[in-house]
Amino acid sequence: HNFPEPKPSERAREREAAPSPEGHSLMSLSE
Protein backbone atom coordinates (compact mmCIF):
# COMPACT_ATOMS: atom_id res chain seq x y z
CA HIS A 1 0.00 0.00 0.00
CA ASN A 2 2.88 2.45 0.75
CA PHE A 3 5.00 1.61 -2.31
CA PRO A 4 2.71 1.26 -5.35
CA GLU A 5 4.01 0.10 -8.68
CA PRO A 6 5.38 3.05 -10.79
CA LYS A 7 3.31 4.29 -13.74
CA PRO A 8 4.51 3.92 -17.40
CA SER A 9 5.22 7.70 -17.70
CA GLU A 10 7.50 7.57 -14.65
CA ARG A 11 9.31 4.55 -16.11
CA ALA A 12 9.92 6.49 -19.34
CA ARG A 13 11.26 9.50 -17.40
CA GLU A 14 13.65 7.23 -15.50
CA ARG A 15 14.91 5.74 -18.76
CA GLU A 16 15.57 9.26 -20.14
CA ALA A 17 17.59 10.09 -17.05
CA ALA A 18 19.63 6.89 -17.29
CA PRO A 19 23.20 7.23 -18.64
CA SER A 20 23.77 6.42 -22.37
CA PRO A 21 26.19 3.71 -23.52
CA GLU A 22 28.77 6.33 -24.63
CA GLY A 23 28.93 7.72 -21.11
CA HIS A 24 26.84 10.86 -21.89
CA SER A 25 24.05 11.93 -19.66
CA LEU A 26 21.04 13.77 -21.02
CA MET A 27 18.60 15.61 -18.84
CA SER A 28 15.43 17.14 -20.14
CA LEU A 29 14.39 20.32 -18.38
CA SER A 30 11.62 21.30 -20.73
CA GLU A 31 8.93 20.38 -18.26
All heavy atoms as atom14 arrays in JSON, in Angstrom:
{
  "sequence": "HNFPEPKPSERAREREAAPSPEGHSLMSLSE",
  "atom14_mask": [
    [1, 1, 1, 1, 1, 1, 1, 1, 1, 1, 0, 0, 0, 0],
    [1, 1, 1, 1, 1, 1, 1, 1, 0, 0, 0, 0, 0, 0],
    [1, 1, 1, 1, 1, 1, 1, 1, 1, 1, 1, 0, 0, 0],
    [1, 1, 1, 1, 1, 1, 1, 0, 0, 0, 0, 0, 0, 0],
    [1, 1, 1, 1, 1, 1, 1, 1, 1, 0, 0, 0, 0, 0],
    [1, 1, 1, 1, 1, 1, 1, 0, 0, 0, 0, 0, 0, 0],
    [1, 1, 1, 1, 1, 1, 1, 1, 1, 0, 0, 0, 0, 0],
    [1, 1, 1, 1, 1, 1, 1, 0, 0, 0, 0, 0, 0, 0],
    [1, 1, 1, 1, 1, 1, 0, 0, 0, 0, 0, 0, 0, 0],
    [1, 1, 1, 1, 1, 1, 1, 1, 1, 0, 0, 0, 0, 0],
    [1, 1, 1, 1, 1, 1, 1, 1, 1, 1, 1, 0, 0, 0],
    [1, 1, 1, 1, 1, 0, 0, 0, 0, 0, 0, 0, 0, 0],
    [1, 1, 1, 1, 1, 1, 1, 1, 1, 1, 1, 0, 0, 0],
    [1, 1, 1, 1, 1, 1, 1, 1, 1, 0, 0, 0, 0, 0],
    [1, 1, 1, 1, 1, 1, 1, 1, 1, 1, 1, 0, 0, 0],
    [1, 1, 1, 1, 1, 1, 1, 1, 1, 0, 0, 0, 0, 0],
    [1, 1, 1, 1, 1, 0, 0, 0, 0, 0, 0, 0, 0, 0],
    [1, 1, 1, 1, 1, 0, 0, 0, 0, 0, 0, 0, 0, 0],
    [1, 1, 1, 1, 1, 1, 1, 0, 0, 0, 0, 0, 0, 0],
    [1, 1, 1, 1, 1, 1, 0, 0, 0, 0, 0, 0, 0, 0],
    [1, 1, 1, 1, 1, 1, 1, 0, 0, 0, 0, 0, 0, 0],
    [1, 1, 1, 1, 1, 1, 1, 1, 1, 0, 0, 0, 0, 0],
    [1, 1, 1, 1, 0, 0, 0, 0, 0, 0, 0, 0, 0, 0],
    [1, 1, 1, 1, 1, 1, 1, 1, 1, 1, 0, 0, 0, 0],
    [1, 1, 1, 1, 1, 1, 0, 0, 0, 0, 0, 0, 0, 0],
    [1, 1, 1, 1, 1, 1, 1, 1, 0, 0, 0, 0, 0, 0],
    [1, 1, 1, 1, 1, 1, 1, 1, 0, 0, 0, 0, 0, 0],
    [1, 1, 1, 1, 1, 1, 0, 0, 0, 0, 0, 0, 0, 0],
    [1, 1, 1, 1, 1, 1, 1, 1, 0, 0, 0, 0, 0, 0],
    [1, 1, 1, 1, 1, 1, 0, 0, 0, 0, 0, 0, 0, 0],
    [1, 1, 1, 1, 1, 1, 1, 1, 1, 0, 0, 0, 0, 0]
  ],
  "atom14_positions": [
    [[0.82, -1.21, 0.0], [0.0, 0.0, 0.0], [0.86, 1.26, 0.0], [0.51, 2.27, -0.63], [-0.9, -0.01, 1.23], [-1.78, 1.2, 1.31], [-2.87, 1.38, 0.47], [-1.73, 2.3, 2.13], [-3.45, 2.54, 0.76], [-2.78, 3.12, 1.77], [0.0, 0.0, 0.0], [0.0, 0.0, 0.0], [0.0, 0.0, 0.0], [0.0, 0.0, 0.0]],
    [[2.01, 1.27, 0.66], [2.88, 2.45, 0.75], [3.76, 2.61, -0.47], [4.14, 3.72, -0.82], [3.75, 2.37, 2.0], [2.92, 2.52, 3.27], [1.8, 3.02, 3.22], [3.48, 2.07, 4.39], [0.0, 0.0, 0.0], [0.0, 0.0, 0.0], [0.0, 0.0, 0.0], [0.0, 0.0, 0.0], [0.0, 0.0, 0.0], [0.0, 0.0, 0.0]],
    [[4.11, 1.55, -1.15], [5.0, 1.61, -2.31], [4.29, 0.99, -3.5], [4.51, -0.19, -3.82], [6.32, 0.86, -2.03], [7.06, 1.41, -0.85], [6.94, 0.79, 0.39], [7.83, 2.54, -0.96], [7.61, 1.3, 1.49], [8.51, 3.04, 0.13], [8.39, 2.44, 1.35], [0.0, 0.0, 0.0], [0.0, 0.0, 0.0], [0.0, 0.0, 0.0]],
    [[3.43, 1.8, -4.19], [2.71, 1.26, -5.35], [3.64, 1.11, -6.54], [4.72, 1.7, -6.6], [1.63, 2.32, -5.61], [2.21, 3.6, -5.06], [3.04, 3.2, -3.87], [0.0, 0.0, 0.0], [0.0, 0.0, 0.0], [0.0, 0.0, 0.0], [0.0, 0.0, 0.0], [0.0, 0.0, 0.0], [0.0, 0.0, 0.0], [0.0, 0.0, 0.0]],
    [[3.21, 0.34, -7.48], [4.01, 0.1, -8.68], [4.07, 1.38, -9.53], [3.06, 2.03, -9.74], [3.37, -1.03, -9.48], [4.21, -1.45, -10.67], [3.56, -2.59, -11.43], [2.51, -3.06, -10.96], [4.11, -2.99, -12.46], [0.0, 0.0, 0.0], [0.0, 0.0, 0.0], [0.0, 0.0, 0.0], [0.0, 0.0, 0.0], [0.0, 0.0, 0.0]],
    [[5.26, 1.81, -10.02], [5.38, 3.05, -10.79], [4.59, 2.98, -12.09], [4.42, 1.93, -12.7], [6.88, 3.15, -11.05], [7.4, 1.77, -10.88], [6.54, 1.12, -9.86], [0.0, 0.0, 0.0], [0.0, 0.0, 0.0], [0.0, 0.0, 0.0], [0.0, 0.0, 0.0], [0.0, 0.0, 0.0], [0.0, 0.0, 0.0], [0.0, 0.0, 0.0]],
    [[4.1, 4.19, -12.52], [3.31, 4.29, -13.74], [4.22, 4.25, -14.96], [5.42, 4.48, -14.87], [2.51, 5.59, -13.73], [1.52, 5.66, -12.58], [0.79, 6.98, -12.6], [-0.21, 7.07, -11.44], [-0.93, 8.34, -11.44], [0.0, 0.0, 0.0], [0.0, 0.0, 0.0], [0.0, 0.0, 0.0], [0.0, 0.0, 0.0], [0.0, 0.0, 0.0]],
    [[3.67, 3.98, -16.18], [4.51, 3.92, -17.4], [5.21, 5.23, -17.69], [6.34, 5.23, -18.19], [3.5, 3.56, -18.49], [2.39, 2.86, -17.76], [2.31, 3.51, -16.42], [0.0, 0.0, 0.0], [0.0, 0.0, 0.0], [0.0, 0.0, 0.0], [0.0, 0.0, 0.0], [0.0, 0.0, 0.0], [0.0, 0.0, 0.0], [0.0, 0.0, 0.0]],
    [[4.56, 6.41, -17.43], [5.22, 7.7, -17.7], [6.44, 7.88, -16.81], [7.48, 8.39, -17.25], [4.22, 8.85, -17.47], [3.74, 8.81, -16.13], [0.0, 0.0, 0.0], [0.0, 0.0, 0.0], [0.0, 0.0, 0.0], [0.0, 0.0, 0.0], [0.0, 0.0, 0.0], [0.0, 0.0, 0.0], [0.0, 0.0, 0.0], [0.0, 0.0, 0.0]],
    [[6.35, 7.45, -15.55], [7.5, 7.57, -14.65], [8.63, 6.65, -15.09], [9.8, 6.98, -14.98], [7.06, 7.24, -13.23], [6.07, 8.26, -12.66], [5.64, 7.89, -11.26], [6.06, 6.79, -10.81], [4.92, 8.67, -10.64], [0.0, 0.0, 0.0], [0.0, 0.0, 0.0], [0.0, 0.0, 0.0], [0.0, 0.0, 0.0], [0.0, 0.0, 0.0]],
    [[8.28, 5.46, -15.61], [9.31, 4.55, -16.11], [10.05, 5.17, -17.29], [11.28, 5.05, -17.4], [8.68, 3.22, -16.53], [8.14, 2.41, -15.36], [7.48, 1.14, -15.86], [6.94, 0.38, -14.77], [6.23, -0.75, -14.94], [5.99, -1.21, -16.18], [5.77, -1.39, -13.88], [0.0, 0.0, 0.0], [0.0, 0.0, 0.0], [0.0, 0.0, 0.0]],
    [[9.28, 5.85, -18.19], [9.92, 6.49, -19.34], [10.84, 7.61, -18.9], [11.93, 7.8, -19.44], [8.86, 7.02, -20.31], [0.0, 0.0, 0.0], [0.0, 0.0, 0.0], [0.0, 0.0, 0.0], [0.0, 0.0, 0.0], [0.0, 0.0, 0.0], [0.0, 0.0, 0.0], [0.0, 0.0, 0.0], [0.0, 0.0, 0.0], [0.0, 0.0, 0.0]],
    [[10.43, 8.41, -17.9], [11.26, 9.5, -17.4], [12.54, 8.96, -16.78], [13.62, 9.53, -16.93], [10.47, 10.32, -16.39], [11.18, 11.62, -16.03], [10.37, 12.42, -15.02], [9.04, 12.72, -15.54], [7.91, 12.29, -15.01], [7.95, 11.51, -13.94], [6.75, 12.59, -15.55], [0.0, 0.0, 0.0], [0.0, 0.0, 0.0], [0.0, 0.0, 0.0]],
    [[12.45, 7.82, -16.11], [13.65, 7.23, -15.5], [14.59, 6.72, -16.57], [15.82, 6.83, -16.42], [13.24, 6.09, -14.56], [12.54, 6.59, -13.3], [12.08, 5.42, -12.45], [12.29, 4.27, -12.89], [11.5, 5.65, -11.38], [0.0, 0.0, 0.0], [0.0, 0.0, 0.0], [0.0, 0.0, 0.0], [0.0, 0.0, 0.0], [0.0, 0.0, 0.0]],
    [[14.03, 6.2, -17.68], [14.91, 5.74, -18.76], [15.61, 6.9, -19.44], [16.75, 6.79, -19.88], [14.08, 4.94, -19.78], [13.71, 3.54, -19.31], [13.28, 2.67, -20.49], [12.09, 3.23, -21.13], [10.85, 2.87, -20.81], [10.65, 1.98, -19.85], [9.82, 3.41, -21.42], [0.0, 0.0, 0.0], [0.0, 0.0, 0.0], [0.0, 0.0, 0.0]],
    [[14.93, 8.09, -19.54], [15.57, 9.26, -20.14], [16.71, 9.75, -19.28], [17.72, 10.23, -19.78], [14.54, 10.38, -20.33], [13.5, 10.06, -21.39], [12.45, 11.16, -21.49], [12.58, 12.13, -20.69], [11.53, 11.05, -22.31], [0.0, 0.0, 0.0], [0.0, 0.0, 0.0], [0.0, 0.0, 0.0], [0.0, 0.0, 0.0], [0.0, 0.0, 0.0]],
    [[16.54, 9.6, -17.95], [17.59, 10.09, -17.05], [18.72, 9.1, -16.9], [19.73, 9.41, -16.3], [16.99, 10.4, -15.67], [0.0, 0.0, 0.0], [0.0, 0.0, 0.0], [0.0, 0.0, 0.0], [0.0, 0.0, 0.0], [0.0, 0.0, 0.0], [0.0, 0.0, 0.0], [0.0, 0.0, 0.0], [0.0, 0.0, 0.0], [0.0, 0.0, 0.0]],
    [[18.59, 7.91, -17.43], [19.63, 6.89, -17.29], [20.8, 7.24, -18.18], [20.64, 7.83, -19.25], [19.07, 5.51, -17.66], [0.0, 0.0, 0.0], [0.0, 0.0, 0.0], [0.0, 0.0, 0.0], [0.0, 0.0, 0.0], [0.0, 0.0, 0.0], [0.0, 0.0, 0.0], [0.0, 0.0, 0.0], [0.0, 0.0, 0.0], [0.0, 0.0, 0.0]],
    [[22.02, 6.91, -17.81], [23.2, 7.23, -18.64], [23.2, 6.42, -19.92], [22.75, 5.27, -19.95], [24.38, 6.85, -17.74], [23.82, 5.88, -16.77], [22.4, 6.26, -16.56], [0.0, 0.0, 0.0], [0.0, 0.0, 0.0], [0.0, 0.0, 0.0], [0.0, 0.0, 0.0], [0.0, 0.0, 0.0], [0.0, 0.0, 0.0], [0.0, 0.0, 0.0]],
    [[23.71, 7.07, -21.06], [23.77, 6.42, -22.37], [24.98, 5.51, -22.41], [25.89, 5.64, -21.6], [23.84, 7.48, -23.49], [25.01, 8.27, -23.3], [0.0, 0.0, 0.0], [0.0, 0.0, 0.0], [0.0, 0.0, 0.0], [0.0, 0.0, 0.0], [0.0, 0.0, 0.0], [0.0, 0.0, 0.0], [0.0, 0.0, 0.0], [0.0, 0.0, 0.0]],
    [[25.05, 4.64, -23.41], [26.19, 3.71, -23.52], [27.51, 4.43, -23.73], [28.55, 3.93, -23.34], [25.83, 2.83, -24.71], [24.34, 2.89, -24.78], [23.98, 4.27, -24.34], [0.0, 0.0, 0.0], [0.0, 0.0, 0.0], [0.0, 0.0, 0.0], [0.0, 0.0, 0.0], [0.0, 0.0, 0.0], [0.0, 0.0, 0.0], [0.0, 0.0, 0.0]],
    [[27.52, 5.65, -24.38], [28.77, 6.33, -24.63], [29.24, 7.08, -23.4], [30.27, 7.74, -23.44], [28.62, 7.32, -25.78], [28.41, 6.63, -27.13], [26.96, 6.21, -27.32], [26.13, 6.61, -26.45], [26.65, 5.48, -28.28], [0.0, 0.0, 0.0], [0.0, 0.0, 0.0], [0.0, 0.0, 0.0], [0.0, 0.0, 0.0], [0.0, 0.0, 0.0]],
    [[28.49, 7.02, -22.3], [28.93, 7.72, -21.11], [28.37, 9.1, -21.01], [28.81, 9.89, -20.18], [0.0, 0.0, 0.0], [0.0, 0.0, 0.0], [0.0, 0.0, 0.0], [0.0, 0.0, 0.0], [0.0, 0.0, 0.0], [0.0, 0.0, 0.0], [0.0, 0.0, 0.0], [0.0, 0.0, 0.0], [0.0, 0.0, 0.0], [0.0, 0.0, 0.0]],
    [[27.45, 9.54, -21.94], [26.84, 10.86, -21.89], [25.57, 10.79, -21.09], [24.86, 9.8, -21.12], [26.54, 11.36, -23.31], [27.79, 11.51, -24.14], [28.64, 12.6, -24.01], [28.3, 10.71, -25.09], [29.65, 12.44, -24.88], [29.46, 11.3, -25.55], [0.0, 0.0, 0.0], [0.0, 0.0, 0.0], [0.0, 0.0, 0.0], [0.0, 0.0, 0.0]],
    [[25.26, 11.84, -20.46], [24.05, 11.93, -19.66], [23.21, 13.07, -20.17], [23.71, 14.19, -20.32], [24.4, 12.17, -18.19], [23.24, 12.38, -17.44], [0.0, 0.0, 0.0], [0.0, 0.0, 0.0], [0.0, 0.0, 0.0], [0.0, 0.0, 0.0], [0.0, 0.0, 0.0], [0.0, 0.0, 0.0], [0.0, 0.0, 0.0], [0.0, 0.0, 0.0]],
    [[21.97, 12.78, -20.51], [21.04, 13.77, -21.02], [19.97, 14.01, -20.01], [19.4, 13.08, -19.46], [20.42, 13.27, -22.34], [21.42, 12.99, -23.49], [20.66, 12.43, -24.69], [22.19, 14.26, -23.87], [0.0, 0.0, 0.0], [0.0, 0.0, 0.0], [0.0, 0.0, 0.0], [0.0, 0.0, 0.0], [0.0, 0.0, 0.0], [0.0, 0.0, 0.0]],
    [[19.65, 15.25, -19.8], [18.6, 15.61, -18.84], [17.67, 16.59, -19.51], [18.13, 17.6, -20.05], [19.22, 16.24, -17.59], [18.17, 16.61, -16.53], [18.93, 17.25, -15.04], [19.8, 15.81, -14.51], [0.0, 0.0, 0.0], [0.0, 0.0, 0.0], [0.0, 0.0, 0.0], [0.0, 0.0, 0.0], [0.0, 0.0, 0.0], [0.0, 0.0, 0.0]],
    [[16.43, 16.29, -19.54], [15.43, 17.14, -20.14], [14.84, 18.02, -19.07], [14.34, 17.54, -18.06], [14.33, 16.28, -20.79], [13.32, 17.11, -21.28], [0.0, 0.0, 0.0], [0.0, 0.0, 0.0], [0.0, 0.0, 0.0], [0.0, 0.0, 0.0], [0.0, 0.0, 0.0], [0.0, 0.0, 0.0], [0.0, 0.0, 0.0], [0.0, 0.0, 0.0]],
    [[14.92, 19.36, -19.34], [14.39, 20.32, -18.38], [13.21, 21.07, -18.95], [12.81, 22.11, -18.43], [15.48, 21.33, -17.99], [16.74, 20.72, -17.37], [17.77, 21.84, -17.11], [16.4, 20.02, -16.08], [0.0, 0.0, 0.0], [0.0, 0.0, 0.0], [0.0, 0.0, 0.0], [0.0, 0.0, 0.0], [0.0, 0.0, 0.0], [0.0, 0.0, 0.0]],
    [[12.69, 20.57, -20.08], [11.62, 21.3, -20.73], [10.37, 21.37, -19.86], [9.63, 22.34, -19.93], [11.28, 20.64, -22.08], [10.89, 19.29, -21.83], [0.0, 0.0, 0.0], [0.0, 0.0, 0.0], [0.0, 0.0, 0.0], [0.0, 0.0, 0.0], [0.0, 0.0, 0.0], [0.0, 0.0, 0.0], [0.0, 0.0, 0.0], [0.0, 0.0, 0.0]],
    [[10.16, 20.37, -19.06], [8.93, 20.38, -18.26], [9.02, 21.34, -17.1], [8.02, 21.66, -16.49], [8.64, 18.97, -17.74], [9.76, 18.39, -16.92], [9.44, 16.99, -16.44], [8.29, 16.57, -16.65], [10.33, 16.34, -15.88], [0.0, 0.0, 0.0], [0.0, 0.0, 0.0], [0.0, 0.0, 0.0], [0.0, 0.0, 0.0], [0.0, 0.0, 0.0]]
  ]
}
